[in-house]
Amino acid sequence: MASSIRGRAVRLLDNFINQTLVLSTRNISRSLSENSIRGDYQGCQSSVLLTSETRGRARSSYRRLSSAGRALRQVQEPGRQASPLSPAHRVSLVDTDLRHMFDDIKKELESQFELQEIAKYYFDGQGKAVRPLITVLMSRAINTHLHDEDRLLDSQRDVAMAAEMIHTASLVHDDVLDVSDTRRGKASVNSIHGQRKAVITGDFILSVTYAMISRRCCPDAIIAMGEIPKNLIHGEFLQMGSKENENERFAHYLKKTFLKTASLIAYTCKTAAILSGADDSLQEVAFQYGRNVGIAFQLVDDLLDFVSSSSTMGKPAAADLKLGLATAPVLFAVGQFPELNPMIMRRFQEPGDVQKAFELVHKSDGLEQTQFLARQHCQEAIKVISTLKPSEEQKALITITDKVLNRIK
């Protein structure tokens, strides 16, 4: 069955890749097993069966999400020739750039009333901090590429902090919309303080975030970061709706995935490049890396909703089905089990729908196809980042794709 799955998914992804940017002709066969992650130039100058109609729909959707569907110009040349890779740093990234990140975020959120304590609730250091980690690595990788210095600018660190703050604010709002009682294995903000205070808390975190980045970031960087909340809101509206036309569902899902998840990573990576003085083509490299990793991250997240325990994920299993959401594993499974179609349309609201859909997904090859599609996005991310001068940070960004694919929570 594996070869059959691969064959179907490859046909789908060939259609995808034909529409993506022509990013590089470099050899990208690099090992994903390397694990050396470490941690002022203010630059402001799939594996599932799809029909032929579905493939056409996915192709056009992918083109739109590939940042205007145009080929990249040649990547901005570095200031000096690349030097051999330096030995892996003995101090980890978390012990340097991000060691005090959560303390610094809490300082930003200080105020004179109850709201500050609610706002600080999720900034306890228990999150994965994937988004600030990627932002810091991208910052250092591009600074090395352009300036032969892997230093991190204060403004770039602020963007990394902002990535975590915006993500957390979106979680607070998500829990309100979903009436969720838990988050990261503990009681959610809304379950403790109520829906109204939770909404205000999410708004407060966002307002503090944008006040913070406006202090050090230039107009172009602020404009790029301004795309994120707009996309988060658009994505949330898309998630509230559904497509009657089966052939439009996957395009709808991909667009929502970019807006709700990948946009944050893509635009923080792009902002880091702007602050380094990158030209448009190098900014696009950073953006496309973040976009592909972000989509892969969400695909794996949707897969884990079907295979991980609630204790591992910190939220109930099959949470998306219970919320009425048809994610990639379900959409892929429809090709083998058409009886999922009416369940999708009624958002799994009838008694037994959630359990039946859960079972059908596991009987199908939807999980395998979802994993395969995530892998293809990671390979595209590797292709993009391989256009940068070799550095420890560039290698770490390649390694992260493996971590995204193989995470268990």
Foldseek 3Di string as FASTA:
>chain_A
DVVVQVVQLVVLVVLLVVQAAPFDPDDLPDDLPDAQAAAQLQAQVWRFHDDPLLSVLVSVLSNVVRPVSYYFDAFDFAPDDFDPADPRDPHHRCNHLVVCLLVVLLVLLDDDDPLSVLLSVPSPPLDPLPQLSLLLLLLQLLLCRHPVGSDHDPLSSLLSSLLVLLVVLLVLVVCLVLVFQWDSQHGHSCVVPNSVSSNVSSVSSNVSSLVSSVVPHDPVLSVLQVLQVVLLVVLVVLQVDADLDLSNRVSSQLSSQCSNWLSSSLSSSLSSCSRSNTDPSNSSLSNLLSSLLRSLLVLVVVLLLLVAPCNQRRGHRLSCLVSLGQHQLLSSLCVVPVVCSVCSVVSVPDPPSSVVSSVSSVVGCRSVTSLVSSLVSLSSSSSSLVSGRDYSSSSNSNNVSVCSSPPND
